[in-house]
Each structure stands twice: as C-alpha cells, then as structure tokens.
Amino acid sequence: MSGQLFTLIGVLVGAAASYVGGALMERARWRRQLSTRWDEHRLDCYLRYADAVKRFTSLAGRLAAGKGLFQLPQPLAEEAGLELMAEAELERGYAFEAVLLMGDAETISAARALQRHAWVLEQFVRDMRPGTPDDWMRAFREFQEKRDEFYIAARDSLGVHAKFRLRSEDPALLATDPRHM
C-alpha cells in the first residue's frame, strides 16, 4: 500500500510540475508575442513621426532657400510654401500624438525637443525670428542633433542595439566635403 501511495504522490507531483512549467512557458511566450506586437506599432509610430518631421523641415529648408537663408536647388515661394508647411504641421501633430501614446518617456522627451527645434526653423521662414544665413545654419544643426537624439531614443525603445553616431561624432561628416575640394 505504501508503495502505491509513493507512486501516486510521484505522479501527482510530476503532473503539477509539468502543468506549472507549461503554464509558465506559455505565459512567457504570450508576453514575448505581445511585446513584439507592440514593438511593431511603436516602430510604425516612430517612423510616421520622423517622416512627418522630415517633410515639415524639408519645406522649411526650401522656404529658407527662397528667402536667401539657405542654399538648396529647389527653393520654394513663400505663398505656396507656407500653405504646404501648415499641412505638414498638421500631419506632424497627428504623428506626435501616436508617439505620446506608444512611446516610452525618453522617446517622448526626445520627440518634444525635436518638434521645438523644428518650430525654430519654422519661425525663421515665417519671419517670426530674424536671422542671417549663419543663424539659420546654427538652428538647422541644432535641429539635426535633436533628430539624431530622437532616433537614438527610438532605437533604444525598440531594443535596436546597433551603434548609431550623432552627427557631431561622425567622422564621415567631420571630414572635408568632397564637393568643396
């Protein structure tokens, strides 16, 4: 009788251990899948925001070229450009809301800093901030640094651990531009 009792206890302990182990494995797998699914949405939000900011600041650059603040091959006339810029700002705002919803604290802070620096560029082309071409370039470089910081925060948020250099640290950008040699 006692032999059967030990066998029964062994079977019950084995079954319980098997059940607990399986449940823990399933729970971990479900969490991994959920994390992956949210990472995909987060990536889409970050890409959409980066694209909207790029469109907005590209228009600002073309408008600045039209005002003589910047050299670009496709300057944009003020009347048409400001209307396009207003539409781009709306899209940037919508994309930013998605970052607020899906992003982590560091990425949201970086996105806020990026948009503030994009607005500085807008102030130049809307004549809300007086400046010279040097002032524009300084503001544009600061914007680029904030953009890179947003990319770093977004990559960290997504678990992308590949190296990324800030523009101010990149040897390719620090070297002499071959177009000016």
N, C-alpha and C. Protein backbone atom coordinates (compact mmCIF):
# COMPACT_ATOMS: atom_id res chain seq x y z
N MET A 1 0.82 -1.20 0.00
CA MET A 1 0.00 0.00 0.00
C MET A 1 0.86 1.26 0.00
N SER A 2 1.91 1.28 0.84
CA SER A 2 2.73 2.48 0.90
C SER A 2 3.48 2.69 -0.41
N GLY A 3 3.82 1.62 -1.12
CA GLY A 3 4.47 1.75 -2.43
C GLY A 3 3.55 2.42 -3.43
N GLN A 4 2.26 2.06 -3.37
CA GLN A 4 1.30 2.68 -4.28
C GLN A 4 1.09 4.16 -3.93
N LEU A 5 1.14 4.48 -2.65
CA LEU A 5 0.97 5.86 -2.22
C LEU A 5 2.13 6.73 -2.72
N PHE A 6 3.36 6.21 -2.60
CA PHE A 6 4.51 6.96 -3.11
C PHE A 6 4.42 7.13 -4.62
N THR A 7 3.96 6.12 -5.32
CA THR A 7 3.80 6.21 -6.77
C THR A 7 2.76 7.27 -7.11
N LEU A 8 1.64 7.23 -6.40
CA LEU A 8 0.57 8.21 -6.64
C LEU A 8 1.06 9.63 -6.36
N ILE A 9 1.78 9.82 -5.26
CA ILE A 9 2.33 11.14 -4.93
C ILE A 9 3.32 11.58 -6.00
N GLY A 10 4.15 10.67 -6.46
CA GLY A 10 5.12 10.99 -7.52
C GLY A 10 4.42 11.41 -8.80
N VAL A 11 3.35 10.70 -9.16
CA VAL A 11 2.59 11.06 -10.36
C VAL A 11 1.95 12.43 -10.20
N LEU A 12 1.37 12.69 -9.02
CA LEU A 12 0.73 14.00 -8.79
C LEU A 12 1.75 15.14 -8.81
N VAL A 13 2.89 14.92 -8.16
CA VAL A 13 3.93 15.96 -8.16
C VAL A 13 4.44 16.18 -9.58
N GLY A 14 4.65 15.12 -10.33
CA GLY A 14 5.10 15.25 -11.72
C GLY A 14 4.09 15.98 -12.58
N ALA A 15 2.81 15.65 -12.39
CA ALA A 15 1.76 16.32 -13.17
C ALA A 15 1.70 17.80 -12.81
N ALA A 16 1.78 18.11 -11.52
CA ALA A 16 1.74 19.51 -11.09
C ALA A 16 2.94 20.28 -11.63
N ALA A 17 4.12 19.68 -11.55
CA ALA A 17 5.33 20.34 -12.07
C ALA A 17 5.22 20.54 -13.58
N SER A 18 4.70 19.56 -14.27
CA SER A 18 4.53 19.67 -15.72
C SER A 18 3.54 20.78 -16.06
N TYR A 19 2.43 20.84 -15.31
CA TYR A 19 1.43 21.87 -15.55
C TYR A 19 1.99 23.26 -15.28
N VAL A 20 2.66 23.44 -14.14
CA VAL A 20 3.23 24.74 -13.78
C VAL A 20 4.29 25.15 -14.79
N GLY A 21 5.15 24.23 -15.16
CA GLY A 21 6.19 24.53 -16.16
C GLY A 21 5.59 24.94 -17.49
N GLY A 22 4.58 24.20 -17.94
CA GLY A 22 3.91 24.54 -19.20
C GLY A 22 3.22 25.88 -19.14
N ALA A 23 2.55 26.15 -18.01
CA ALA A 23 1.84 27.43 -17.86
C ALA A 23 2.83 28.60 -17.86
N LEU A 24 3.96 28.43 -17.17
CA LEU A 24 4.97 29.50 -17.15
C LEU A 24 5.57 29.72 -18.54
N MET A 25 5.82 28.64 -19.26
CA MET A 25 6.36 28.76 -20.62
C MET A 25 5.35 29.46 -21.54
N GLU A 26 4.09 29.09 -21.43
CA GLU A 26 3.05 29.69 -22.26
C GLU A 26 2.89 31.18 -21.92
N ARG A 27 2.95 31.50 -20.65
CA ARG A 27 2.84 32.90 -20.24
C ARG A 27 4.01 33.72 -20.78
N ALA A 28 5.21 33.18 -20.70
CA ALA A 28 6.39 33.88 -21.23
C ALA A 28 6.27 34.06 -22.74
N ARG A 29 5.80 33.03 -23.44
CA ARG A 29 5.63 33.12 -24.90
C ARG A 29 4.59 34.18 -25.25
N TRP A 30 3.49 34.23 -24.50
CA TRP A 30 2.44 35.21 -24.76
C TRP A 30 2.97 36.63 -24.54
N ARG A 31 3.74 36.82 -23.47
CA ARG A 31 4.30 38.14 -23.21
C ARG A 31 5.28 38.56 -24.31
N ARG A 32 6.07 37.61 -24.79
CA ARG A 32 7.00 37.91 -25.88
C ARG A 32 6.25 38.31 -27.15
N GLN A 33 5.18 37.58 -27.46
CA GLN A 33 4.37 37.92 -28.63
C GLN A 33 3.72 39.28 -28.48
N LEU A 34 3.22 39.57 -27.29
CA LEU A 34 2.59 40.86 -27.04
C LEU A 34 3.61 41.99 -27.17
N SER A 35 4.78 41.78 -26.62
CA SER A 35 5.85 42.78 -26.73
C SER A 35 6.24 43.01 -28.18
N THR A 36 6.35 41.94 -28.95
CA THR A 36 6.69 42.06 -30.37
C THR A 36 5.60 42.83 -31.11
N ARG A 37 4.36 42.53 -30.80
CA ARG A 37 3.25 43.21 -31.47
C ARG A 37 3.28 44.71 -31.16
N TRP A 38 3.51 45.08 -29.90
CA TRP A 38 3.57 46.49 -29.54
C TRP A 38 4.80 47.16 -30.14
N ASP A 39 5.91 46.43 -30.23
CA ASP A 39 7.10 46.99 -30.87
C ASP A 39 6.83 47.35 -32.32
N GLU A 40 6.05 46.52 -33.01
CA GLU A 40 5.71 46.83 -34.41
C GLU A 40 4.90 48.11 -34.49
N HIS A 41 3.94 48.27 -33.60
CA HIS A 41 3.13 49.50 -33.59
C HIS A 41 4.00 50.71 -33.21
N ARG A 42 4.87 50.51 -32.24
CA ARG A 42 5.76 51.59 -31.81
C ARG A 42 6.67 52.01 -32.97
N LEU A 43 7.21 51.03 -33.68
CA LEU A 43 8.06 51.33 -34.84
C LEU A 43 7.29 52.14 -35.87
N ASP A 44 6.06 51.73 -36.16
CA ASP A 44 5.24 52.48 -37.13
C ASP A 44 5.02 53.92 -36.66
N CYS A 45 4.75 54.11 -35.37
CA CYS A 45 4.56 55.47 -34.83
C CYS A 45 5.82 56.30 -34.97
N TYR A 46 6.96 55.72 -34.63
CA TYR A 46 8.21 56.46 -34.71
C TYR A 46 8.56 56.81 -36.16
N LEU A 47 8.33 55.86 -37.06
CA LEU A 47 8.62 56.13 -38.48
C LEU A 47 7.70 57.22 -39.02
N ARG A 48 6.44 57.14 -38.66
CA ARG A 48 5.48 58.15 -39.14
C ARG A 48 5.86 59.54 -38.62
N TYR A 49 6.25 59.61 -37.35
CA TYR A 49 6.64 60.90 -36.78
C TYR A 49 7.91 61.43 -37.44
N ALA A 50 8.91 60.58 -37.59
CA ALA A 50 10.17 61.01 -38.22
C ALA A 50 9.91 61.49 -39.65
N ASP A 51 9.05 60.78 -40.37
CA ASP A 51 8.71 61.18 -41.74
C ASP A 51 7.98 62.52 -41.76
N ALA A 52 7.05 62.72 -40.84
CA ALA A 52 6.30 63.98 -40.79
C ALA A 52 7.22 65.15 -40.45
N VAL A 53 8.14 64.94 -39.52
CA VAL A 53 9.10 66.00 -39.17
C VAL A 53 10.01 66.29 -40.36
N LYS A 54 10.43 65.24 -41.05
CA LYS A 54 11.30 65.42 -42.23
C LYS A 54 10.57 66.25 -43.30
N ARG A 55 9.30 65.92 -43.55
CA ARG A 55 8.53 66.68 -44.54
C ARG A 55 8.41 68.15 -44.12
N PHE A 56 8.10 68.36 -42.85
CA PHE A 56 7.94 69.72 -42.32
C PHE A 56 9.23 70.52 -42.46
N THR A 57 10.34 69.95 -42.05
CA THR A 57 11.60 70.68 -42.08
C THR A 57 12.17 70.79 -43.49
N SER A 58 11.84 69.85 -44.36
CA SER A 58 12.25 69.98 -45.77
C SER A 58 11.57 71.20 -46.40
N LEU A 59 10.30 71.36 -46.08
CA LEU A 59 9.59 72.55 -46.57
C LEU A 59 10.18 73.82 -45.96
N ALA A 60 10.52 73.76 -44.68
CA ALA A 60 11.15 74.93 -44.04
C ALA A 60 12.46 75.26 -44.73
N GLY A 61 13.25 74.25 -45.06
CA GLY A 61 14.52 74.47 -45.76
C GLY A 61 14.32 75.08 -47.13
N ARG A 62 13.32 74.58 -47.86
CA ARG A 62 13.05 75.14 -49.19
C ARG A 62 12.56 76.58 -49.10
N LEU A 63 11.74 76.87 -48.08
CA LEU A 63 11.30 78.25 -47.87
C LEU A 63 12.47 79.14 -47.46
N ALA A 64 13.35 78.62 -46.62
CA ALA A 64 14.54 79.38 -46.22
C ALA A 64 15.42 79.66 -47.43
N ALA A 65 15.51 78.71 -48.34
CA ALA A 65 16.29 78.93 -49.58
C ALA A 65 15.65 80.05 -50.40
N GLY A 66 14.32 80.08 -50.42
CA GLY A 66 13.62 81.15 -51.13
C GLY A 66 13.86 82.52 -50.51
N LYS A 67 14.19 82.56 -49.23
CA LYS A 67 14.47 83.82 -48.53
C LYS A 67 15.97 84.14 -48.51
N GLY A 68 16.78 83.27 -49.09
CA GLY A 68 18.21 83.50 -49.12
C GLY A 68 18.94 83.09 -47.85
N LEU A 69 18.28 82.32 -46.98
CA LEU A 69 18.92 81.87 -45.73
C LEU A 69 19.68 80.56 -45.89
N PHE A 70 19.43 79.87 -46.98
CA PHE A 70 19.93 78.50 -47.13
C PHE A 70 20.10 78.24 -48.61
N GLN A 71 21.01 77.37 -48.97
CA GLN A 71 21.24 77.04 -50.38
C GLN A 71 20.65 75.67 -50.67
N LEU A 72 19.61 75.65 -51.47
CA LEU A 72 19.01 74.40 -51.93
C LEU A 72 18.67 74.55 -53.40
N PRO A 73 18.70 73.46 -54.14
CA PRO A 73 18.41 73.57 -55.57
C PRO A 73 16.93 73.83 -55.89
N GLN A 74 16.03 73.61 -54.93
CA GLN A 74 14.61 73.80 -55.19
C GLN A 74 13.98 74.76 -54.18
N PRO A 75 14.31 76.06 -54.26
CA PRO A 75 13.69 76.99 -53.31
C PRO A 75 12.19 77.05 -53.54
N LEU A 76 11.48 77.43 -52.51
CA LEU A 76 10.03 77.44 -52.57
C LEU A 76 9.52 78.85 -52.31
N ALA A 77 8.56 79.27 -53.13
CA ALA A 77 7.96 80.60 -52.95
C ALA A 77 7.14 80.61 -51.65
N GLU A 78 7.12 81.76 -51.01
CA GLU A 78 6.52 81.86 -49.68
C GLU A 78 5.04 81.50 -49.66
N GLU A 79 4.27 82.01 -50.58
CA GLU A 79 2.82 81.80 -50.53
C GLU A 79 2.46 80.32 -50.61
N ALA A 80 2.99 79.63 -51.59
CA ALA A 80 2.69 78.20 -51.74
C ALA A 80 3.34 77.39 -50.62
N GLY A 81 4.53 77.77 -50.24
CA GLY A 81 5.27 77.02 -49.24
C GLY A 81 4.65 77.06 -47.86
N LEU A 82 4.14 78.22 -47.46
CA LEU A 82 3.55 78.33 -46.13
C LEU A 82 2.28 77.49 -46.02
N GLU A 83 1.53 77.39 -47.10
CA GLU A 83 0.33 76.55 -47.09
C GLU A 83 0.72 75.07 -46.96
N LEU A 84 1.72 74.66 -47.73
CA LEU A 84 2.21 73.28 -47.62
C LEU A 84 2.76 73.00 -46.22
N MET A 85 3.43 73.99 -45.67
CA MET A 85 4.01 73.82 -44.34
C MET A 85 2.92 73.68 -43.27
N ALA A 86 1.83 74.40 -43.42
CA ALA A 86 0.72 74.28 -42.46
C ALA A 86 0.14 72.87 -42.51
N GLU A 87 0.00 72.31 -43.71
CA GLU A 87 -0.49 70.93 -43.84
C GLU A 87 0.50 69.94 -43.22
N ALA A 88 1.78 70.17 -43.45
CA ALA A 88 2.81 69.29 -42.89
C ALA A 88 2.82 69.37 -41.37
N GLU A 89 2.55 70.55 -40.82
CA GLU A 89 2.50 70.70 -39.36
C GLU A 89 1.32 69.93 -38.78
N LEU A 90 0.20 69.92 -39.47
CA LEU A 90 -0.94 69.12 -39.01
C LEU A 90 -0.57 67.64 -38.96
N GLU A 91 0.05 67.15 -40.02
CA GLU A 91 0.46 65.75 -40.07
C GLU A 91 1.48 65.44 -38.98
N ARG A 92 2.41 66.36 -38.74
CA ARG A 92 3.39 66.17 -37.68
C ARG A 92 2.71 66.08 -36.32
N GLY A 93 1.72 66.92 -36.11
CA GLY A 93 0.98 66.90 -34.85
C GLY A 93 0.24 65.59 -34.64
N TYR A 94 -0.40 65.09 -35.69
CA TYR A 94 -1.10 63.80 -35.58
C TYR A 94 -0.11 62.67 -35.29
N ALA A 95 1.02 62.69 -35.96
CA ALA A 95 2.03 61.65 -35.74
C ALA A 95 2.60 61.74 -34.33
N PHE A 96 2.73 62.96 -33.81
CA PHE A 96 3.26 63.14 -32.46
C PHE A 96 2.32 62.53 -31.43
N GLU A 97 1.02 62.63 -31.65
CA GLU A 97 0.05 62.03 -30.72
C GLU A 97 0.27 60.52 -30.61
N ALA A 98 0.59 59.88 -31.72
CA ALA A 98 0.86 58.44 -31.68
C ALA A 98 2.12 58.14 -30.87
N VAL A 99 3.13 59.00 -30.99
CA VAL A 99 4.35 58.82 -30.19
C VAL A 99 4.01 58.98 -28.71
N LEU A 100 3.16 59.95 -28.37
CA LEU A 100 2.75 60.12 -26.98
C LEU A 100 2.05 58.88 -26.44
N LEU A 101 1.27 58.23 -27.28
CA LEU A 101 0.53 57.04 -26.86
C LEU A 101 1.43 55.82 -26.74
N MET A 102 2.32 55.63 -27.69
CA MET A 102 3.08 54.38 -27.77
C MET A 102 4.51 54.47 -27.25
N GLY A 103 5.07 55.67 -27.17
CA GLY A 103 6.48 55.81 -26.83
C GLY A 103 6.77 55.71 -25.34
N ASP A 104 8.03 55.46 -25.04
CA ASP A 104 8.46 55.49 -23.64
C ASP A 104 8.84 56.93 -23.29
N ALA A 105 9.14 57.17 -22.02
CA ALA A 105 9.39 58.53 -21.53
C ALA A 105 10.55 59.21 -22.25
N GLU A 106 11.64 58.47 -22.48
CA GLU A 106 12.81 59.06 -23.14
C GLU A 106 12.51 59.45 -24.58
N THR A 107 11.79 58.59 -25.28
CA THR A 107 11.46 58.88 -26.68
C THR A 107 10.49 60.05 -26.78
N ILE A 108 9.54 60.12 -25.88
CA ILE A 108 8.60 61.24 -25.88
C ILE A 108 9.35 62.55 -25.62
N SER A 109 10.26 62.55 -24.66
CA SER A 109 11.05 63.76 -24.39
C SER A 109 11.88 64.16 -25.60
N ALA A 110 12.49 63.17 -26.25
CA ALA A 110 13.29 63.46 -27.45
C ALA A 110 12.41 63.98 -28.57
N ALA A 111 11.20 63.45 -28.71
CA ALA A 111 10.27 63.92 -29.75
C ALA A 111 9.83 65.35 -29.47
N ARG A 112 9.61 65.67 -28.21
CA ARG A 112 9.24 67.05 -27.85
C ARG A 112 10.38 68.02 -28.17
N ALA A 113 11.59 67.64 -27.83
CA ALA A 113 12.75 68.51 -28.14
C ALA A 113 12.90 68.67 -29.64
N LEU A 114 12.68 67.60 -30.38
CA LEU A 114 12.78 67.66 -31.84
C LEU A 114 11.75 68.61 -32.41
N GLN A 115 10.52 68.53 -31.95
CA GLN A 115 9.49 69.41 -32.51
C GLN A 115 9.76 70.87 -32.14
N ARG A 116 10.29 71.12 -30.94
CA ARG A 116 10.62 72.51 -30.57
C ARG A 116 11.67 73.08 -31.53
N HIS A 117 12.66 72.27 -31.88
CA HIS A 117 13.70 72.75 -32.80
C HIS A 117 13.18 72.87 -34.23
N ALA A 118 12.23 72.03 -34.60
CA ALA A 118 11.60 72.18 -35.92
C ALA A 118 10.81 73.49 -35.97
N TRP A 119 10.16 73.84 -34.88
CA TRP A 119 9.41 75.10 -34.83
C TRP A 119 10.33 76.31 -34.93
N VAL A 120 11.54 76.20 -34.43
CA VAL A 120 12.50 77.31 -34.57
C VAL A 120 12.76 77.56 -36.06
N LEU A 121 12.93 76.48 -36.83
CA LEU A 121 13.14 76.64 -38.28
C LEU A 121 11.92 77.29 -38.92
N GLU A 122 10.74 76.90 -38.47
CA GLU A 122 9.51 77.50 -39.00
C GLU A 122 9.47 78.99 -38.68
N GLN A 123 9.91 79.38 -37.49
CA GLN A 123 9.89 80.79 -37.12
C GLN A 123 10.77 81.63 -38.05
N PHE A 124 11.88 81.07 -38.50
CA PHE A 124 12.73 81.79 -39.45
C PHE A 124 11.97 82.07 -40.75
N VAL A 125 11.29 81.07 -41.28
CA VAL A 125 10.66 81.24 -42.60
C VAL A 125 9.34 82.00 -42.51
N ARG A 126 8.75 82.07 -41.33
CA ARG A 126 7.53 82.86 -41.15
C ARG A 126 7.84 84.28 -40.67
N ASP A 127 9.12 84.64 -40.68
CA ASP A 127 9.57 85.96 -40.24
C ASP A 127 9.20 86.26 -38.79
N MET A 128 9.08 85.24 -37.98
CA MET A 128 8.81 85.41 -36.55
C MET A 128 10.12 85.48 -35.76
N ARG A 129 11.23 85.17 -36.43
CA ARG A 129 12.55 85.18 -35.81
C ARG A 129 13.51 85.75 -36.85
N PRO A 130 14.06 86.92 -36.60
CA PRO A 130 15.02 87.47 -37.56
C PRO A 130 16.32 86.69 -37.50
N GLY A 131 17.01 86.65 -38.62
CA GLY A 131 18.29 85.94 -38.61
C GLY A 131 19.01 86.01 -39.93
N THR A 132 20.26 85.63 -39.85
CA THR A 132 21.15 85.58 -41.01
C THR A 132 21.27 84.13 -41.47
N PRO A 133 21.90 83.91 -42.62
CA PRO A 133 22.16 82.52 -43.03
C PRO A 133 22.94 81.74 -41.97
N ASP A 134 23.85 82.40 -41.26
CA ASP A 134 24.58 81.71 -40.18
C ASP A 134 23.65 81.31 -39.04
N ASP A 135 22.70 82.18 -38.71
CA ASP A 135 21.72 81.85 -37.67
C ASP A 135 20.88 80.65 -38.09
N TRP A 136 20.47 80.65 -39.36
CA TRP A 136 19.69 79.52 -39.88
C TRP A 136 20.49 78.22 -39.77
N MET A 137 21.76 78.27 -40.21
CA MET A 137 22.58 77.05 -40.19
C MET A 137 22.79 76.55 -38.76
N ARG A 138 22.97 77.45 -37.83
CA ARG A 138 23.14 77.06 -36.43
C ARG A 138 21.85 76.38 -35.93
N ALA A 139 20.72 76.97 -36.24
CA ALA A 139 19.43 76.38 -35.83
C ALA A 139 19.21 75.04 -36.53
N PHE A 140 19.61 74.96 -37.79
CA PHE A 140 19.44 73.71 -38.53
C PHE A 140 20.32 72.60 -37.95
N ARG A 141 21.56 72.94 -37.59
CA ARG A 141 22.46 71.94 -36.98
C ARG A 141 21.90 71.47 -35.63
N GLU A 142 21.37 72.40 -34.85
CA GLU A 142 20.76 72.03 -33.57
C GLU A 142 19.56 71.11 -33.79
N PHE A 143 18.77 71.40 -34.83
CA PHE A 143 17.66 70.52 -35.18
C PHE A 143 18.17 69.13 -35.53
N GLN A 144 19.24 69.05 -36.33
CA GLN A 144 19.79 67.75 -36.72
C GLN A 144 20.26 66.96 -35.50
N GLU A 145 20.86 67.63 -34.54
CA GLU A 145 21.29 66.95 -33.32
C GLU A 145 20.08 66.39 -32.56
N LYS A 146 19.02 67.17 -32.48
CA LYS A 146 17.81 66.71 -31.78
C LYS A 146 17.16 65.56 -32.54
N ARG A 147 17.23 65.60 -33.86
CA ARG A 147 16.70 64.49 -34.66
C ARG A 147 17.48 63.21 -34.36
N ASP A 148 18.80 63.33 -34.32
CA ASP A 148 19.62 62.16 -34.01
C ASP A 148 19.32 61.63 -32.60
N GLU A 149 19.11 62.53 -31.65
CA GLU A 149 18.78 62.11 -30.29
C GLU A 149 17.43 61.39 -30.26
N PHE A 150 16.48 61.85 -31.07
CA PHE A 150 15.20 61.15 -31.17
C PHE A 150 15.41 59.75 -31.74
N TYR A 151 16.23 59.64 -32.78
CA TYR A 151 16.49 58.32 -33.36
C TYR A 151 17.13 57.39 -32.34
N ILE A 152 18.06 57.90 -31.56
CA ILE A 152 18.72 57.06 -30.54
C ILE A 152 17.69 56.60 -29.50
N ALA A 153 16.85 57.51 -29.04
CA ALA A 153 15.83 57.14 -28.05
C ALA A 153 14.85 56.13 -28.63
N ALA A 154 14.44 56.33 -29.88
CA ALA A 154 13.51 55.40 -30.52
C ALA A 154 14.15 54.02 -30.67
N ARG A 155 15.40 54.00 -31.09
CA ARG A 155 16.10 52.72 -31.25
C ARG A 155 16.22 52.01 -29.91
N ASP A 156 16.55 52.75 -28.85
CA ASP A 156 16.63 52.13 -27.52
C ASP A 156 15.27 51.58 -27.10
N SER A 157 14.22 52.34 -27.37
CA SER A 157 12.87 51.91 -27.02
C SER A 157 12.49 50.61 -27.73
N LEU A 158 12.99 50.45 -28.95
CA LEU A 158 12.67 49.26 -29.74
C LEU A 158 13.66 48.11 -29.52
N GLY A 159 14.69 48.37 -28.72
CA GLY A 159 15.67 47.33 -28.46
C GLY A 159 16.66 47.14 -29.59
N VAL A 160 16.83 48.15 -30.44
CA VAL A 160 17.82 48.09 -31.52
C VAL A 160 19.15 48.54 -30.92
N HIS A 161 20.08 47.62 -30.85
CA HIS A 161 21.33 47.91 -30.15
C HIS A 161 22.50 48.17 -31.09
N ALA A 162 22.24 48.27 -32.37
CA ALA A 162 23.31 48.60 -33.32
C ALA A 162 23.80 50.01 -33.02
N LYS A 163 25.07 50.25 -33.25
CA LYS A 163 25.65 51.56 -32.95
C LYS A 163 25.07 52.63 -33.87
N PHE A 164 24.95 53.82 -33.33
CA PHE A 164 24.45 54.98 -34.07
C PHE A 164 25.23 56.17 -33.57
N ARG A 165 25.82 56.92 -34.48
CA ARG A 165 26.60 58.10 -34.09
C ARG A 165 25.78 59.36 -34.28
N LEU A 166 25.94 60.27 -33.34
CA LEU A 166 25.40 61.61 -33.54
C LEU A 166 26.18 62.26 -34.67
N ARG A 167 25.54 63.17 -35.35
CA ARG A 167 26.22 63.87 -36.46
C ARG A 167 27.52 64.51 -35.99
N SER A 168 27.51 65.05 -34.79
CA SER A 168 28.71 65.73 -34.28
C SER A 168 29.86 64.78 -34.00
N GLU A 169 29.60 63.47 -33.99
CA GLU A 169 30.64 62.47 -33.72
C GLU A 169 31.02 61.67 -34.96
N ASP A 170 30.33 61.87 -36.07
CA ASP A 170 30.51 61.03 -37.25
C ASP A 170 31.72 61.48 -38.07
N PRO A 171 32.75 60.62 -38.21
CA PRO A 171 33.94 61.03 -38.96
C PRO A 171 33.64 61.35 -40.42
N ALA A 172 32.64 60.70 -41.00
CA ALA A 172 32.30 60.99 -42.39
C ALA A 172 31.79 62.42 -42.55
N LEU A 173 31.07 62.90 -41.56
CA LEU A 173 30.56 64.27 -41.62
C LEU A 173 31.60 65.30 -41.20
N LEU A 174 32.53 64.88 -40.39
CA LEU A 174 33.56 65.80 -39.92
C LEU A 174 34.67 65.99 -40.95
N ALA A 175 34.78 65.06 -41.90
CA ALA A 175 35.80 65.16 -42.94
C ALA A 175 35.42 66.27 -43.92
N THR A 176 36.37 66.67 -44.73
CA THR A 176 36.13 67.70 -45.73
C THR A 176 35.14 67.18 -46.77
N ASP A 177 34.17 67.99 -47.10
CA ASP A 177 33.17 67.62 -48.10
C ASP A 177 33.84 67.59 -49.47
N PRO A 178 33.80 66.44 -50.17
CA PRO A 178 34.48 66.35 -51.47
C PRO A 178 33.90 67.30 -52.52
N ARG A 179 32.68 67.78 -52.31
CA ARG A 179 32.10 68.72 -53.28
C ARG A 179 32.78 70.08 -53.19
N HIS A 180 33.46 70.35 -52.08
CA HIS A 180 34.10 71.65 -51.88
C HIS A 180 35.62 71.58 -52.03
N MET A 181 36.12 70.50 -52.58
CA MET A 181 37.57 70.36 -52.75
C MET A 181 38.00 70.91 -54.09
